[in-house]
Amino acid sequence: MIVEESPGRLAEWVRADVREARTALSRARLLHGEASPAYQRAAIRWGHRQAVLDEVAARRGIGSKDVDLLGTPALQLLAAARKVRLDVAAADREAEFLAATAFLERTASDGSPG
């Protein structure tokens, strides 16, 4: 049985996820340094959460540093998270395509017929 969550509950999960990612980035920096793989993973994770904050800010016409997650309406926060999720998925598909077709660049540069 699928139970649908309320927008308020889903928004609280997004808020908690953003706080957790911010904490993980700080912790990785302190414990391992910015050159560490742990920090790099945390930075990628935080980058996606920062994109959600940026999207909320753009929708509200404010700076991303001025975003108050607790004061952001649930539906607005969820819409921003969904948009970033779609953007990330599209970028992943694009990277996958570029990697899969990298041979085309090599054949074009060595003079082979394409």
Protein backbone atom coordinates (compact mmCIF):
# COMPACT_ATOMS: atom_id res chain seq x y z
CA MET A 1 0.00 0.00 0.00
CA ILE A 2 1.35 3.42 -0.96
CA VAL A 3 0.86 6.13 1.63
CA GLU A 4 1.03 9.68 0.31
CA GLU A 5 2.84 12.15 2.51
CA SER A 6 1.57 15.66 3.02
CA PRO A 7 3.47 18.53 1.39
CA GLY A 8 4.39 19.78 4.86
CA ARG A 9 5.92 16.46 5.81
CA LEU A 10 7.83 16.18 2.52
CA ALA A 11 9.10 19.75 2.88
CA GLU A 12 10.37 18.92 6.37
CA TRP A 13 12.34 16.01 4.89
CA VAL A 14 13.88 18.41 2.36
CA ARG A 15 14.75 20.89 5.13
CA ALA A 16 16.34 18.13 7.22
CA ASP A 17 18.29 16.87 4.20
CA VAL A 18 19.69 20.35 3.52
CA ARG A 19 20.76 20.76 7.16
CA GLU A 20 22.34 17.30 7.16
CA ALA A 21 24.27 17.96 3.93
CA ARG A 22 25.56 21.29 5.27
CA THR A 23 26.74 19.59 8.48
CA ALA A 24 28.37 16.73 6.56
CA LEU A 25 30.34 19.20 4.43
CA SER A 26 31.64 21.05 7.49
CA ARG A 27 32.48 17.81 9.25
CA ALA A 28 34.36 16.43 6.24
CA ARG A 29 36.34 19.66 5.91
CA LEU A 30 37.34 19.61 9.58
CA LEU A 31 38.14 15.90 9.81
CA HIS A 32 39.66 15.18 6.41
CA GLY A 33 40.52 18.46 4.65
CA GLU A 34 39.25 19.84 1.36
CA ALA A 35 41.46 17.59 -0.79
CA SER A 36 40.00 14.39 0.66
CA PRO A 37 37.56 12.10 -1.18
CA ALA A 38 35.17 12.39 1.78
CA TYR A 39 35.08 16.16 1.41
CA GLN A 40 34.66 15.93 -2.37
CA ARG A 41 31.65 13.62 -1.97
CA ALA A 42 30.15 15.92 0.66
CA ALA A 43 30.74 18.93 -1.59
CA ILE A 44 28.88 17.30 -4.48
CA ARG A 45 26.01 16.41 -2.17
CA TRP A 46 25.94 19.94 -0.75
CA GLY A 47 26.07 21.43 -4.25
CA HIS A 48 22.75 19.80 -5.10
CA ARG A 49 21.20 21.11 -1.89
CA GLN A 50 22.62 24.57 -2.56
CA ALA A 51 20.94 24.41 -5.96
CA VAL A 52 17.61 23.89 -4.18
CA LEU A 53 18.26 26.98 -2.06
CA ASP A 54 19.23 28.93 -5.20
CA GLU A 55 16.02 27.84 -6.92
CA VAL A 56 13.91 28.89 -3.92
CA ALA A 57 15.71 32.25 -3.89
CA ALA A 58 15.11 32.76 -7.61
CA ARG A 59 11.41 31.98 -7.21
CA ARG A 60 11.14 34.44 -4.34
CA GLY A 61 13.34 37.12 -5.89
CA ILE A 62 15.86 37.16 -3.03
CA GLY A 63 19.49 36.16 -2.54
CA SER A 64 20.16 32.51 -1.73
CA LYS A 65 21.79 33.52 1.56
CA ASP A 66 18.47 35.12 2.54
CA VAL A 67 16.44 31.91 2.15
CA ASP A 68 14.78 30.84 5.39
CA LEU A 69 13.90 27.17 4.97
CA LEU A 70 11.47 27.22 7.86
CA GLY A 71 9.70 30.24 6.39
CA THR A 72 9.51 28.83 2.87
CA PRO A 73 6.07 27.46 1.97
CA ALA A 74 6.09 23.67 1.59
CA LEU A 75 4.86 23.61 -2.00
CA GLN A 76 7.44 26.19 -3.08
CA LEU A 77 10.24 24.19 -1.45
CA LEU A 78 9.04 20.95 -3.04
CA ALA A 79 8.78 22.58 -6.48
CA ALA A 80 12.37 23.82 -6.17
CA ALA A 81 13.61 20.38 -5.08
CA ARG A 82 11.79 18.69 -7.98
CA LYS A 83 13.26 21.14 -10.50
CA VAL A 84 16.80 20.57 -9.22
CA ARG A 85 16.21 16.82 -9.23
CA LEU A 86 15.17 16.97 -12.90
CA ASP A 87 18.17 19.18 -13.73
CA VAL A 88 20.56 16.75 -12.02
CA ALA A 89 18.99 13.78 -13.79
CA ALA A 90 19.26 15.55 -17.17
CA ALA A 91 22.91 16.43 -16.51
CA ASP A 92 23.66 12.82 -15.56
CA ARG A 93 22.07 11.58 -18.78
CA GLU A 94 24.04 14.15 -20.77
CA ALA A 95 27.32 13.10 -19.13
CA GLU A 96 26.48 9.46 -19.83
CA PHE A 97 25.83 10.25 -23.50
CA LEU A 98 29.05 12.25 -23.84
CA ALA A 99 31.05 9.41 -22.30
CA ALA A 100 29.34 6.83 -24.52
CA THR A 101 30.06 8.83 -27.67
CA ALA A 102 33.58 10.04 -26.80
CA PHE A 103 34.94 7.82 -29.59
CA LEU A 104 33.37 10.23 -32.09
CA GLU A 105 35.75 12.97 -31.01
CA ARG A 106 38.76 10.70 -31.45
CA THR A 107 37.74 9.55 -34.92
CA ALA A 108 37.08 13.13 -36.03
CA SER A 109 40.44 14.36 -34.77
CA ASP A 110 42.51 11.57 -36.33
CA GLY A 111 41.04 12.15 -39.78
CA SER A 112 39.02 8.93 -39.94
CA PRO A 113 35.71 9.17 -41.74
CA GLY A 114 32.86 9.77 -39.31
